[in-house]
């Protein structure tokens, strides 16, 4: 995605039925961050994108048993 200021945004989305065992943010492990960074570098190189700002966001969705889903957006969730 591209933010309004032109920053490329790479987003990891995690959906959980509930958070009984752990918060959904914990699913974005160091290994996942490493894979996202590797994929980002490939994308930037393959599309010949240089000197453009980018960031990593995380969106979590917790469905819950009743009511609407809870959606949280963590902008600039981690910096490689």
N, C-alpha and C. Protein backbone atom coordinates (compact mmCIF):
# COMPACT_ATOMS: atom_id res chain seq x y z
N UNK A 1 0.85 -1.16 0.00
CA UNK A 1 0.00 0.00 0.00
C UNK A 1 0.90 1.22 0.00
N UNK A 2 0.34 2.36 -0.38
CA UNK A 2 1.09 3.62 -0.38
C UNK A 2 0.35 4.61 0.50
N UNK A 3 1.06 5.19 1.46
CA UNK A 3 0.48 6.19 2.35
C UNK A 3 0.32 7.50 1.59
N UNK A 4 -0.42 8.42 2.15
CA UNK A 4 -0.70 9.70 1.48
C UNK A 4 0.56 10.52 1.22
N UNK A 5 1.63 10.27 2.00
CA UNK A 5 2.88 11.00 1.78
C UNK A 5 3.82 10.29 0.80
N UNK A 6 3.35 9.19 0.20
CA UNK A 6 4.15 8.45 -0.78
C UNK A 6 4.96 7.32 -0.20
N UNK A 7 4.91 7.13 1.12
CA UNK A 7 5.65 6.04 1.76
C UNK A 7 5.03 4.70 1.37
N UNK A 8 5.88 3.76 0.95
CA UNK A 8 5.41 2.39 0.70
C UNK A 8 5.18 1.73 2.04
N UNK A 9 4.06 1.05 2.18
CA UNK A 9 3.72 0.41 3.44
C UNK A 9 3.52 -1.08 3.21
N UNK A 10 4.31 -1.87 3.89
CA UNK A 10 4.18 -3.32 3.83
C UNK A 10 3.44 -3.74 5.09
N UNK A 11 2.33 -4.46 4.91
CA UNK A 11 1.43 -4.73 6.02
C UNK A 11 1.32 -6.23 6.28
N UNK A 12 1.51 -6.61 7.53
CA UNK A 12 1.26 -7.98 7.97
C UNK A 12 -0.07 -7.98 8.69
N UNK A 13 -0.98 -8.85 8.27
CA UNK A 13 -2.31 -8.93 8.87
C UNK A 13 -2.42 -10.25 9.62
N UNK A 14 -2.81 -10.17 10.88
CA UNK A 14 -2.99 -11.35 11.70
C UNK A 14 -4.43 -11.39 12.21
N UNK A 15 -5.10 -12.52 11.98
CA UNK A 15 -6.48 -12.68 12.42
C UNK A 15 -6.53 -13.83 13.43
N UNK A 16 -7.23 -13.59 14.50
CA UNK A 16 -7.41 -14.60 15.54
C UNK A 16 -8.89 -14.68 15.91
N UNK A 17 -9.32 -15.87 16.29
CA UNK A 17 -10.69 -16.02 16.78
C UNK A 17 -10.83 -15.36 18.14
N UNK A 18 -9.77 -15.46 18.94
CA UNK A 18 -9.74 -14.83 20.27
C UNK A 18 -8.29 -14.72 20.69
N UNK A 19 -8.07 -14.13 21.83
CA UNK A 19 -6.71 -13.97 22.34
C UNK A 19 -6.55 -14.70 23.68
N UNK A 20 -7.18 -15.85 23.78
CA UNK A 20 -7.13 -16.62 25.02
C UNK A 20 -5.71 -17.05 25.39
N UNK A 21 -4.89 -17.36 24.38
CA UNK A 21 -3.56 -17.90 24.66
C UNK A 21 -2.45 -16.87 24.55
N UNK A 22 -2.63 -15.92 23.64
CA UNK A 22 -1.61 -14.86 23.49
C UNK A 22 -2.19 -13.74 22.65
N UNK A 23 -1.65 -12.55 22.81
CA UNK A 23 -2.12 -11.43 22.00
C UNK A 23 -1.74 -11.64 20.53
N UNK A 24 -2.56 -11.19 19.63
CA UNK A 24 -2.31 -11.41 18.21
C UNK A 24 -1.02 -10.77 17.73
N UNK A 25 -0.59 -9.69 18.37
CA UNK A 25 0.66 -9.04 17.98
C UNK A 25 1.86 -9.99 18.16
N UNK A 26 1.76 -10.91 19.10
CA UNK A 26 2.87 -11.82 19.36
C UNK A 26 3.12 -12.79 18.20
N UNK A 27 2.19 -12.89 17.27
CA UNK A 27 2.37 -13.77 16.12
C UNK A 27 3.37 -13.20 15.12
N UNK A 28 3.72 -11.93 15.26
CA UNK A 28 4.73 -11.32 14.39
C UNK A 28 6.08 -11.49 15.07
N UNK A 29 6.66 -12.64 14.83
CA UNK A 29 7.91 -13.04 15.48
C UNK A 29 9.12 -12.44 14.76
N UNK A 30 10.29 -12.60 15.34
CA UNK A 30 11.52 -12.15 14.68
C UNK A 30 11.70 -12.86 13.34
N UNK A 31 11.37 -14.13 13.28
CA UNK A 31 11.48 -14.87 12.01
C UNK A 31 10.54 -14.28 10.96
N UNK A 32 9.33 -13.92 11.36
CA UNK A 32 8.37 -13.31 10.43
C UNK A 32 8.89 -11.96 9.96
N UNK A 33 9.45 -11.18 10.86
CA UNK A 33 10.00 -9.88 10.49
C UNK A 33 11.14 -10.05 9.48
N UNK A 34 11.98 -11.04 9.70
CA UNK A 34 13.08 -11.31 8.78
C UNK A 34 12.56 -11.67 7.40
N UNK A 35 11.53 -12.51 7.35
CA UNK A 35 10.94 -12.89 6.04
C UNK A 35 10.30 -11.69 5.36
N UNK A 36 9.64 -10.84 6.14
CA UNK A 36 9.03 -9.64 5.55
C UNK A 36 10.10 -8.72 4.97
N UNK A 37 11.19 -8.55 5.69
CA UNK A 37 12.27 -7.69 5.21
C UNK A 37 12.88 -8.26 3.94
N UNK A 38 13.09 -9.57 3.90
CA UNK A 38 13.63 -10.22 2.70
C UNK A 38 12.68 -10.03 1.51
N UNK A 39 11.40 -10.21 1.72
CA UNK A 39 10.41 -10.03 0.65
C UNK A 39 10.36 -8.57 0.19
N UNK A 40 10.49 -7.66 1.14
CA UNK A 40 10.49 -6.24 0.81
C UNK A 40 11.68 -5.87 -0.04
N UNK A 41 12.84 -6.35 0.35
CA UNK A 41 14.05 -6.07 -0.43
C UNK A 41 13.93 -6.62 -1.84
N UNK A 42 13.37 -7.81 -1.97
CA UNK A 42 13.16 -8.40 -3.30
C UNK A 42 12.20 -7.53 -4.11
N UNK A 43 11.08 -7.13 -3.51
CA UNK A 43 10.09 -6.29 -4.19
C UNK A 43 10.71 -4.99 -4.67
N UNK A 44 11.47 -4.34 -3.81
CA UNK A 44 12.09 -3.07 -4.17
C UNK A 44 13.09 -3.26 -5.31
N UNK A 45 13.89 -4.31 -5.25
CA UNK A 45 14.88 -4.56 -6.31
C UNK A 45 14.19 -4.93 -7.62
N UNK A 46 13.20 -5.81 -7.56
CA UNK A 46 12.51 -6.27 -8.76
C UNK A 46 11.78 -5.14 -9.47
N UNK A 47 11.34 -4.15 -8.70
CA UNK A 47 10.60 -3.03 -9.28
C UNK A 47 11.47 -1.78 -9.42
N UNK A 48 12.78 -1.97 -9.21
CA UNK A 48 13.75 -0.89 -9.36
C UNK A 48 13.36 0.36 -8.58
N UNK A 49 12.96 0.14 -7.34
CA UNK A 49 12.56 1.24 -6.46
C UNK A 49 13.74 1.57 -5.54
N UNK A 50 14.23 2.78 -5.64
CA UNK A 50 15.35 3.21 -4.82
C UNK A 50 14.99 4.53 -4.14
N UNK A 51 15.58 4.77 -3.02
CA UNK A 51 15.43 6.05 -2.32
C UNK A 51 13.98 6.45 -2.10
N UNK A 52 13.15 5.48 -1.78
CA UNK A 52 11.75 5.78 -1.45
C UNK A 52 11.51 5.28 -0.04
N UNK A 53 10.90 6.09 0.78
CA UNK A 53 10.67 5.64 2.16
C UNK A 53 9.68 4.48 2.21
N UNK A 54 9.91 3.59 3.17
CA UNK A 54 8.97 2.49 3.39
C UNK A 54 8.93 2.17 4.87
N UNK A 55 7.84 1.48 5.24
CA UNK A 55 7.68 1.10 6.64
C UNK A 55 6.90 -0.21 6.72
N UNK A 56 6.90 -0.77 7.93
CA UNK A 56 6.19 -2.02 8.17
C UNK A 56 5.08 -1.78 9.19
N UNK A 57 3.86 -2.07 8.80
CA UNK A 57 2.71 -1.95 9.68
C UNK A 57 2.19 -3.34 10.00
N UNK A 58 1.48 -3.45 11.11
CA UNK A 58 0.80 -4.69 11.48
C UNK A 58 -0.65 -4.34 11.76
N UNK A 59 -1.55 -5.16 11.20
CA UNK A 59 -2.97 -5.04 11.48
C UNK A 59 -3.41 -6.33 12.13
N UNK A 60 -4.07 -6.22 13.28
CA UNK A 60 -4.59 -7.40 13.95
C UNK A 60 -6.10 -7.35 13.96
N UNK A 61 -6.69 -8.52 13.78
CA UNK A 61 -8.15 -8.65 13.79
C UNK A 61 -8.49 -9.76 14.77
N UNK A 62 -9.26 -9.42 15.79
CA UNK A 62 -9.71 -10.41 16.76
C UNK A 62 -11.21 -10.53 16.59
N UNK A 63 -11.65 -11.71 16.16
CA UNK A 63 -13.05 -11.90 15.83
C UNK A 63 -13.95 -11.93 17.06
N UNK A 64 -13.51 -12.58 18.12
CA UNK A 64 -14.33 -12.65 19.33
C UNK A 64 -15.56 -13.50 19.11
N UNK A 65 -16.28 -13.73 20.17
CA UNK A 65 -17.46 -14.58 20.07
C UNK A 65 -18.74 -13.78 19.85
N UNK A 66 -18.76 -12.55 20.33
CA UNK A 66 -19.96 -11.73 20.21
C UNK A 66 -19.56 -10.33 19.76
N UNK A 67 -20.40 -9.70 19.04
CA UNK A 67 -20.16 -8.32 18.63
C UNK A 67 -19.21 -8.22 17.46
N UNK A 68 -18.89 -7.00 17.10
CA UNK A 68 -18.01 -6.78 15.94
C UNK A 68 -16.56 -7.17 16.25
N UNK A 69 -15.83 -7.44 15.19
CA UNK A 69 -14.41 -7.76 15.33
C UNK A 69 -13.66 -6.53 15.83
N UNK A 70 -12.56 -6.77 16.56
CA UNK A 70 -11.72 -5.68 17.02
C UNK A 70 -10.50 -5.59 16.08
N UNK A 71 -10.36 -4.47 15.44
CA UNK A 71 -9.28 -4.27 14.48
C UNK A 71 -8.33 -3.22 15.03
N UNK A 72 -7.04 -3.56 15.05
CA UNK A 72 -6.01 -2.63 15.53
C UNK A 72 -4.96 -2.46 14.44
N UNK A 73 -4.54 -1.22 14.23
CA UNK A 73 -3.52 -0.91 13.23
C UNK A 73 -2.31 -0.33 13.96
N UNK A 74 -1.16 -0.99 13.80
CA UNK A 74 0.08 -0.55 14.42
C UNK A 74 0.98 0.00 13.32
N UNK A 75 0.98 1.30 13.19
CA UNK A 75 1.78 1.96 12.17
C UNK A 75 3.25 1.93 12.58
N UNK A 76 4.11 1.63 11.60
CA UNK A 76 5.54 1.56 11.85
C UNK A 76 5.82 0.61 13.02
N UNK A 77 5.24 -0.58 12.93
CA UNK A 77 5.26 -1.56 14.01
C UNK A 77 6.66 -2.04 14.36
N UNK A 78 7.53 -2.09 13.36
CA UNK A 78 8.91 -2.46 13.65
C UNK A 78 9.82 -1.84 12.62
N UNK A 79 11.07 -1.68 13.03
CA UNK A 79 12.09 -1.11 12.15
C UNK A 79 13.19 -2.15 12.03
N UNK A 80 13.50 -2.55 10.80
CA UNK A 80 14.54 -3.58 10.64
C UNK A 80 15.92 -3.08 11.02
